[in-house]
PDB file of N, CA and C in Angstrom:
ATOM      1  N   UNK A   1     -10.977  -8.190  -3.450  1.00  0.00           N
ATOM      2  CA  UNK A   1     -10.715  -6.621  -2.913  1.00  0.00           C
ATOM      3  C   UNK A   1      -9.756  -6.106  -3.740  1.00  0.00           C
ATOM      4  N   UNK A   2      -9.550  -4.799  -3.570  1.00  0.00           N
ATOM      5  CA  UNK A   2      -8.539  -4.305  -4.678  1.00  0.00           C
ATOM      6  C   UNK A   2      -7.514  -3.605  -3.533  1.00  0.00           C
ATOM      7  N   UNK A   3      -6.517  -3.953  -3.621  1.00  0.00           N
ATOM      8  CA  UNK A   3      -5.529  -2.780  -2.874  1.00  0.00           C
ATOM      9  C   UNK A   3      -4.830  -2.092  -4.007  1.00  0.00           C
ATOM     10  N   UNK A   4      -4.192  -0.695  -3.150  1.00  0.00           N
ATOM     11  CA  UNK A   4      -3.712   0.106  -4.385  1.00  0.00           C
ATOM     12  C   UNK A   4      -2.441   0.390  -3.350  1.00  0.00           C
ATOM     13  N   UNK A   5      -0.975   0.704  -3.753  1.00  0.00           N
ATOM     14  CA  UNK A   5       0.074   0.936  -3.157  1.00  0.00           C
ATOM     15  C   UNK A   5       0.337   2.214  -3.952  1.00  0.00           C
ATOM     16  N   UNK A   6       0.321   3.183  -2.822  1.00  0.00           N
ATOM     17  CA  UNK A   6       0.997   4.393  -3.462  1.00  0.00           C
ATOM     18  C   UNK A   6       2.286   4.754  -3.071  1.00  0.00           C
ATOM     19  N   UNK A   7       3.338   4.640  -3.852  1.00  0.00           N
ATOM     20  CA  UNK A   7       4.497   5.137  -3.772  1.00  0.00           C
ATOM     21  C   UNK A   7       5.299   5.534  -4.814  1.00  0.00           C
ATOM     22  N   UNK A   8       6.949   5.700  -4.549  1.00  0.00           N
ATOM     23  CA  UNK A   8       7.657   6.377  -5.718  1.00  0.00           C
ATOM     24  C   UNK A   8       8.764   5.754  -5.699  1.00  0.00           C
ATOM     25  N   UNK A   9       9.477   5.817  -6.407  1.00  0.00           N
ATOM     26  CA  UNK A   9      10.552   5.223  -6.989  1.00  0.00           C
ATOM     27  C   UNK A   9      11.854   5.883  -5.791  1.00  0.00           C
ATOM     28  N   UNK A  10      12.643   4.784  -5.569  1.00  0.00           N
ATOM     29  CA  UNK A  10      13.925   5.104  -5.068  1.00  0.00           C
ATOM     30  C   UNK A  10      13.402   4.998  -2.696  1.00  0.00           C
ATOM     31  N   UNK A  11      12.018   4.956  -2.881  1.00  0.00           N
ATOM     32  CA  UNK A  11      11.823   4.571  -1.401  1.00  0.00           C
ATOM     33  C   UNK A  11      11.835   3.328  -0.579  1.00  0.00           C
ATOM     34  N   UNK A  12      12.869   3.044   0.246  1.00  0.00           N
ATOM     35  CA  UNK A  12      13.139   2.013   0.497  1.00  0.00           C
ATOM     36  C   UNK A  12      11.803   1.280   1.254  1.00  0.00           C
ATOM     37  N   UNK A  13      11.168   2.443   1.732  1.00  0.00           N
ATOM     38  CA  UNK A  13       9.929   1.912   2.732  1.00  0.00           C
ATOM     39  C   UNK A  13       8.861   1.395   1.502  1.00  0.00           C
ATOM     40  N   UNK A  14       8.598   1.990   0.788  1.00  0.00           N
ATOM     41  CA  UNK A  14       7.729   1.525  -0.173  1.00  0.00           C
ATOM     42  C   UNK A  14       8.107   0.372  -1.224  1.00  0.00           C
ATOM     43  N   UNK A  15       9.635   0.107  -1.211  1.00  0.00           N
ATOM     44  CA  UNK A  15       9.551  -1.352  -1.882  1.00  0.00           C
ATOM     45  C   UNK A  15       9.096  -2.396  -0.832  1.00  0.00           C
ATOM     46  N   UNK A  16       9.651  -2.124   0.601  1.00  0.00           N
ATOM     47  CA  UNK A  16       9.661  -3.066   1.311  1.00  0.00           C
ATOM     48  C   UNK A  16       7.990  -3.499   1.233  1.00  0.00           C
ATOM     49  N   UNK A  17       6.948  -2.247   1.656  1.00  0.00           N
ATOM     50  CA  UNK A  17       5.739  -2.533   1.480  1.00  0.00           C
ATOM     51  C   UNK A  17       5.104  -3.217   0.148  1.00  0.00           C
ATOM     52  N   UNK A  18       5.601  -2.843  -1.055  1.00  0.00           N
ATOM     53  CA  UNK A  18       5.096  -3.814  -2.461  1.00  0.00           C
ATOM     54  C   UNK A  18       5.460  -5.404  -1.994  1.00  0.00           C
ATOM     55  N   UNK A  19       6.979  -5.529  -1.573  1.00  0.00           N
ATOM     56  CA  UNK A  19       7.255  -6.876  -1.605  1.00  0.00           C
ATOM     57  C   UNK A  19       6.267  -7.470  -0.539  1.00  0.00           C
ATOM     58  N   UNK A  20       6.312  -7.145   0.555  1.00  0.00           N
ATOM     59  CA  UNK A  20       5.146  -7.715   1.442  1.00  0.00           C
ATOM     60  C   UNK A  20       3.439  -7.598   1.365  1.00  0.00           C
ATOM     61  N   UNK A  21       2.852  -6.994   0.577  1.00  0.00           N
ATOM     62  CA  UNK A  21       2.059  -7.154  -0.252  1.00  0.00           C
ATOM     63  C   UNK A  21       2.042  -8.143  -1.480  1.00  0.00           C
ATOM     64  N   UNK A  22       3.390  -8.698  -1.924  1.00  0.00           N
ATOM     65  CA  UNK A  22       3.382  -9.639  -2.777  1.00  0.00           C
ATOM     66  C   UNK A  22       3.072 -10.759  -2.053  1.00  0.00           C
ATOM     67  N   UNK A  23       3.744 -10.800  -1.136  1.00  0.00           N
ATOM     68  CA  UNK A  23       3.990 -11.896  -0.069  1.00  0.00           C
ATOM     69  C   UNK A  23       2.390 -12.310   0.327  1.00  0.00           C
ATOM     70  N   UNK A  24       1.741 -11.453   0.379  1.00  0.00           N
ATOM     71  CA  UNK A  24       0.379 -11.271   1.457  1.00  0.00           C
ATOM     72  C   UNK A  24      -0.304 -12.132   0.364  1.00  0.00           C
ATOM     73  N   UNK A  25      -0.532 -11.598  -0.782  1.00  0.00           N
ATOM     74  CA  UNK A  25      -1.261 -12.177  -2.446  1.00  0.00           C
ATOM     75  C   UNK A  25      -1.195 -13.515  -2.299  1.00  0.00           C
ATOM     76  N   UNK A  26      -0.330 -13.823  -1.825  1.00  0.00           N
ATOM     77  CA  UNK A  26       0.185 -15.705  -1.984  1.00  0.00           C
ATOM     78  C   UNK A  26      -1.341 -16.016  -1.300  1.00  0.00           C
ATOM     79  N   UNK A  27      -1.213 -15.405  -0.151  1.00  0.00           N
ATOM     80  CA  UNK A  27      -2.302 -16.375   1.057  1.00  0.00           C
ATOM     81  C   UNK A  27      -3.991 -15.592   0.964  1.00  0.00           C
ATOM     82  N   UNK A  28      -3.886 -14.080   0.501  1.00  0.00           N
ATOM     83  CA  UNK A  28      -5.250 -13.716   0.418  1.00  0.00           C
ATOM     84  C   UNK A  28      -5.516 -12.857  -1.111  1.00  0.00           C
ATOM     85  N   UNK A  29      -6.504 -13.598  -0.933  1.00  0.00           N
ATOM     86  CA  UNK A  29      -7.105 -12.873  -2.467  1.00  0.00           C
ATOM     87  C   UNK A  29      -7.178 -11.570  -3.069  1.00  0.00           C
ATOM     88  N   UNK A  30      -6.508 -10.790  -3.625  1.00  0.00           N
ATOM     89  CA  UNK A  30      -6.743  -9.485  -3.792  1.00  0.00           C
ATOM     90  C   UNK A  30      -5.823  -9.012  -5.258  1.00  0.00           C
ATOM     91  N   UNK A  31      -6.496  -8.339  -5.713  1.00  0.00           N
ATOM     92  CA  UNK A  31      -5.623  -7.224  -6.932  1.00  0.00           C
ATOM     93  C   UNK A  31      -4.713  -6.239  -6.321  1.00  0.00           C
ATOM     94  N   UNK A  32      -3.304  -6.018  -6.571  1.00  0.00           N
ATOM     95  CA  UNK A  32      -2.480  -5.008  -6.353  1.00  0.00           C
ATOM     96  C   UNK A  32      -2.438  -4.299  -7.631  1.00  0.00           C
ATOM     97  N   UNK A  33      -2.518  -2.414  -7.280  1.00  0.00           N
ATOM     98  CA  UNK A  33      -2.270  -1.912  -8.263  1.00  0.00           C
ATOM     99  C   UNK A  33      -1.313  -1.326  -7.474  1.00  0.00           C
ATOM    100  N   UNK A  34       0.168  -0.658  -8.553  1.00  0.00           N
ATOM    101  CA  UNK A  34       0.823   0.081  -7.725  1.00  0.00           C
ATOM    102  C   UNK A  34       1.035   1.346  -8.390  1.00  0.00           C
ATOM    103  N   UNK A  35       0.991   2.539  -8.114  1.00  0.00           N
ATOM    104  CA  UNK A  35       0.942   4.182  -8.511  1.00  0.00           C
ATOM    105  C   UNK A  35       2.154   4.818  -7.831  1.00  0.00           C
ATOM    106  N   UNK A  36       3.250   5.286  -8.912  1.00  0.00           N
ATOM    107  CA  UNK A  36       4.062   6.238  -8.215  1.00  0.00           C
ATOM    108  C   UNK A  36       3.135   7.670  -8.429  1.00  0.00           C
ATOM    109  N   UNK A  37       3.444   8.068  -7.007  1.00  0.00           N
ATOM    110  CA  UNK A  37       2.444   9.265  -7.089  1.00  0.00           C
ATOM    111  C   UNK A  37       3.390  11.076  -7.891  1.00  0.00           C
ATOM    112  N   UNK A  38       4.754  10.111  -8.026  1.00  0.00           N
ATOM    113  CA  UNK A  38       5.382  11.586  -8.693  1.00  0.00           C
ATOM    114  C   UNK A  38       4.792  11.813  -9.968  1.00  0.00           C
ATOM    115  N   UNK A  39       4.031  10.953 -10.834  1.00  0.00           N
ATOM    116  CA  UNK A  39       3.618  11.090 -11.677  1.00  0.00           C
ATOM    117  C   UNK A  39       2.190  11.774 -12.050  1.00  0.00           C
ATOM    118  N   UNK A  40       1.744  11.732 -10.601  1.00  0.00           N
ATOM    119  CA  UNK A  40       0.269  12.660 -10.865  1.00  0.00           C
ATOM    120  C   UNK A  40       0.340  13.543  -9.709  1.00  0.00           C
ATOM    121  N   UNK A  41       0.420  14.990  -9.909  1.00  0.00           N
ATOM    122  CA  UNK A  41       0.426  16.125  -8.963  1.00  0.00           C
ATOM    123  C   UNK A  41      -0.830  15.856  -7.804  1.00  0.00           C
ATOM    124  N   UNK A  42      -1.623  15.779  -8.330  1.00  0.00           N
ATOM    125  CA  UNK A  42      -2.872  15.481  -7.127  1.00  0.00           C
ATOM    126  C   UNK A  42      -2.511  14.286  -6.212  1.00  0.00           C
ATOM    127  N   UNK A  43      -1.858  13.359  -6.457  1.00  0.00           N
ATOM    128  CA  UNK A  43      -1.312  12.282  -5.241  1.00  0.00           C
ATOM    129  C   UNK A  43      -0.098  12.492  -4.892  1.00  0.00           C
ATOM    130  N   UNK A  44       0.739  13.359  -5.825  1.00  0.00           N
ATOM    131  CA  UNK A  44       1.806  13.715  -4.986  1.00  0.00           C
ATOM    132  C   UNK A  44       1.417  15.000  -3.962  1.00  0.00           C
ATOM    133  N   UNK A  45       0.723  16.080  -4.184  1.00  0.00           N
ATOM    134  CA  UNK A  45       0.148  16.445  -2.980  1.00  0.00           C
ATOM    135  C   UNK A  45      -0.638  15.706  -1.513  1.00  0.00           C
ATOM    136  N   UNK A  46      -1.220  14.529  -2.119  1.00  0.00           N
ATOM    137  CA  UNK A  46      -1.905  14.329  -1.179  1.00  0.00           C
ATOM    138  C   UNK A  46      -1.152  13.272  -0.306  1.00  0.00           C
ATOM    139  N   UNK A  47      -0.355  12.568  -0.665  1.00  0.00           N
ATOM    140  CA  UNK A  47       0.363  11.266   0.017  1.00  0.00           C
ATOM    141  C   UNK A  47       2.198  11.898  -0.326  1.00  0.00           C
ATOM    142  N   UNK A  48       2.331  12.721  -0.472  1.00  0.00           N
ATOM    143  CA  UNK A  48       3.876  12.924  -0.652  1.00  0.00           C
ATOM    144  C   UNK A  48       4.647  12.652   1.038  1.00  0.00           C
ATOM    145  N   UNK A  49       4.215  13.279   1.927  1.00  0.00           N
ATOM    146  CA  UNK A  49       4.867  12.999   3.471  1.00  0.00           C
ATOM    147  C   UNK A  49       4.374  11.660   4.089  1.00  0.00           C
ATOM    148  N   UNK A  50       3.500  11.000   3.582  1.00  0.00           N
ATOM    149  CA  UNK A  50       3.112   9.911   3.929  1.00  0.00           C
ATOM    150  C   UNK A  50       3.224   8.190   3.710  1.00  0.00           C
ATOM    151  N   UNK A  51       3.679   8.415   2.252  1.00  0.00           N
ATOM    152  CA  UNK A  51       4.040   7.162   1.718  1.00  0.00           C
ATOM    153  C   UNK A  51       4.910   6.032   2.588  1.00  0.00           C
ATOM    154  N   UNK A  52       4.669   4.695   2.182  1.00  0.00           N
ATOM    155  CA  UNK A  52       4.183   4.571   1.298  1.00  0.00           C
ATOM    156  C   UNK A  52       2.406   4.315   1.782  1.00  0.00           C
ATOM    157  N   UNK A  53       1.489   4.126   1.318  1.00  0.00           N
ATOM    158  CA  UNK A  53      -0.016   4.151   1.719  1.00  0.00           C
ATOM    159  C   UNK A  53      -0.380   3.250   0.659  1.00  0.00           C
ATOM    160  N   UNK A  54      -1.179   2.338   1.620  1.00  0.00           N
ATOM    161  CA  UNK A  54      -2.172   1.446   1.326  1.00  0.00           C
ATOM    162  C   UNK A  54      -3.573   1.670   1.453  1.00  0.00           C
ATOM    163  N   UNK A  55      -4.293   1.465   0.505  1.00  0.00           N
ATOM    164  CA  UNK A  55      -5.926   1.502   0.177  1.00  0.00           C
ATOM    165  C   UNK A  55      -6.606   0.582  -0.160  1.00  0.00           C
ATOM    166  N   UNK A  56      -7.255   0.302   0.731  1.00  0.00           N
ATOM    167  CA  UNK A  56      -8.154  -1.333   0.427  1.00  0.00           C
ATOM    168  C   UNK A  56      -9.391  -0.718  -0.011  1.00  0.00           C
ATOM    169  N   UNK A  57     -10.219  -1.245  -0.899  1.00  0.00           N
ATOM    170  CA  UNK A  57     -11.126  -0.772  -1.921  1.00  0.00           C
ATOM    171  C   UNK A  57     -11.922   0.854  -1.322  1.00  0.00           C
ATOM    172  N   UNK A  58     -10.570   1.685  -1.755  1.00  0.00           N
ATOM    173  CA  UNK A  58     -10.738   3.001  -2.121  1.00  0.00           C
ATOM    174  C   UNK A  58     -10.279   3.888  -0.474  1.00  0.00           C
ATOM    175  N   UNK A  59     -10.357   3.171   0.608  1.00  0.00           N
ATOM    176  CA  UNK A  59     -10.021   3.355   1.837  1.00  0.00           C
ATOM    177  C   UNK A  59      -8.728   3.509   2.397  1.00  0.00           C
ATOM    178  N   UNK A  60      -8.007   4.386   3.190  1.00  0.00           N
ATOM    179  CA  UNK A  60      -6.794   4.524   3.415  1.00  0.00           C
ATOM    180  C   UNK A  60      -6.623   3.687   4.959  1.00  0.00           C
ATOM    181  N   UNK A  61      -6.155   1.838   4.227  1.00  0.00           N
ATOM    182  CA  UNK A  61      -5.515   1.446   5.869  1.00  0.00           C
ATOM    183  C   UNK A  61      -4.076   1.305   5.997  1.00  0.00           C
ATOM    184  N   UNK A  62      -3.500   1.874   6.007  1.00  0.00           N
ATOM    185  CA  UNK A  62      -1.935   1.990   6.442  1.00  0.00           C
ATOM    186  C   UNK A  62      -1.212   2.773   5.537  1.00  0.00           C
ATOM    187  N   UNK A  63      -0.150   3.965   6.402  1.00  0.00           N
ATOM    188  CA  UNK A  63       0.524   4.375   5.828  1.00  0.00           C
ATOM    189  C   UNK A  63       1.752   4.545   6.821  1.00  0.00           C
ATOM    190  N   UNK A  64       2.966   5.098   6.015  1.00  0.00           N
ATOM    191  CA  UNK A  64       3.982   5.234   6.684  1.00  0.00           C
ATOM    192  C   UNK A  64       4.033   5.657   8.193  1.00  0.00           C
ATOM    193  N   UNK A  65       4.780   4.849   9.076  1.00  0.00           N
ATOM    194  CA  UNK A  65       5.033   3.773   8.848  1.00  0.00           C
ATOM    195  C   UNK A  65       4.306   2.449   8.962  1.00  0.00           C
ATOM    196  N   UNK A  66       4.361   1.640   8.080  1.00  0.00           N
ATOM    197  CA  UNK A  66       3.490   0.580   8.154  1.00  0.00           C
ATOM    198  C   UNK A  66       3.571  -0.366   9.198  1.00  0.00           C
ATOM    199  N   UNK A  67       2.463  -0.964   9.745  1.00  0.00           N
ATOM    200  CA  UNK A  67       2.607  -1.918  10.760  1.00  0.00           C
ATOM    201  C   UNK A  67       2.167  -3.053  10.384  1.00  0.00           C
ATOM    202  N   UNK A  68       3.144  -3.947   9.519  1.00  0.00           N
ATOM    203  CA  UNK A  68       3.022  -5.443   8.460  1.00  0.00           C
ATOM    204  C   UNK A  68       1.634  -6.028   9.704  1.00  0.00           C
ATOM    205  N   UNK A  69       2.034  -6.216  10.477  1.00  0.00           N
ATOM    206  CA  UNK A  69       1.544  -6.979  11.707  1.00  0.00           C
ATOM    207  C   UNK A  69      -0.152  -6.899  11.753  1.00  0.00           C
ATOM    208  N   UNK A  70      -0.284  -5.494  12.240  1.00  0.00           N
ATOM    209  CA  UNK A  70      -1.889  -5.331  11.984  1.00  0.00           C
ATOM    210  C   UNK A  70      -2.234  -5.235  10.420  1.00  0.00           C
ATOM    211  N   UNK A  71      -1.505  -5.005   9.424  1.00  0.00           N
ATOM    212  CA  UNK A  71      -2.228  -5.110   8.089  1.00  0.00           C
ATOM    213  C   UNK A  71      -2.137  -6.761   7.729  1.00  0.00           C
ATOM    214  N   UNK A  72      -1.370  -7.478   8.145  1.00  0.00           N
ATOM    215  CA  UNK A  72      -1.813  -8.926   8.135  1.00  0.00           C
ATOM    216  C   UNK A  72      -2.943  -9.219   8.540  1.00  0.00           C
ATOM    217  N   UNK A  73      -3.323  -8.926   9.718  1.00  0.00           N
ATOM    218  CA  UNK A  73      -4.285  -9.222  10.625  1.00  0.00           C
ATOM    219  C   UNK A  73      -5.701  -8.094   9.814  1.00  0.00           C
ATOM    220  N   UNK A  74      -5.614  -7.299   9.109  1.00  0.00           N
ATOM    221  CA  UNK A  74      -6.776  -6.975   8.606  1.00  0.00           C
ATOM    222  C   UNK A  74      -6.695  -7.695   7.094  1.00  0.00           C
ATOM    223  N   UNK A  75      -6.189  -8.504   6.765  1.00  0.00           N
ATOM    224  CA  UNK A  75      -6.495  -9.297   5.358  1.00  0.00           C
ATOM    225  C   UNK A  75      -6.878 -10.788   6.470  1.00  0.00           C
ATOM    226  N   UNK A  76      -6.590 -11.080   7.407  1.00  0.00           N
ATOM    227  CA  UNK A  76      -7.202 -12.353   7.972  1.00  0.00           C
ATOM    228  C   UNK A  76      -8.535 -12.244   8.299  1.00  0.00           C
ATOM    229  N   UNK A  77      -8.808 -10.760   8.898  1.00  0.00           N
ATOM    230  CA  UNK A  77     -10.360 -11.007   9.411  1.00  0.00           C
ATOM    231  C   UNK A  77     -10.883 -10.758   7.845  1.00  0.00           C
ATOM    232  N   UNK A  78     -10.703 -10.629   7.358  1.00  0.00           N
ATOM    233  CA  UNK A  78     -11.407 -10.321   5.487  1.00  0.00           C
ATOM    234  C   UNK A  78     -11.572  -8.826   5.402  1.00  0.00           C
ATOM    235  N   UNK A  79     -11.098  -7.800   5.810  1.00  0.00           N
ATOM    236  CA  UNK A  79     -10.856  -6.502   5.667  1.00  0.00           C
ATOM    237  C   UNK A  79     -12.507  -6.329   6.220  1.00  0.00           C
TER     238      UNK A  79
END
């Protein structure tokens, strides 16, 4: 399973999402890629108002405000 977190520097919600995903990775098998949307104009245009955004296998499964219980349930169900 591939997880992508769209984020930006200085975003406390993004920092919390990354920390939580790193914790989840200890329990569930997935790769994590963190992408700063400010480095890519097209990503900035897509996600600026809704970061952090969690995509799993190229599908948005969570966006701000992220419900981490729902996200954990997603991982527990196997996606």
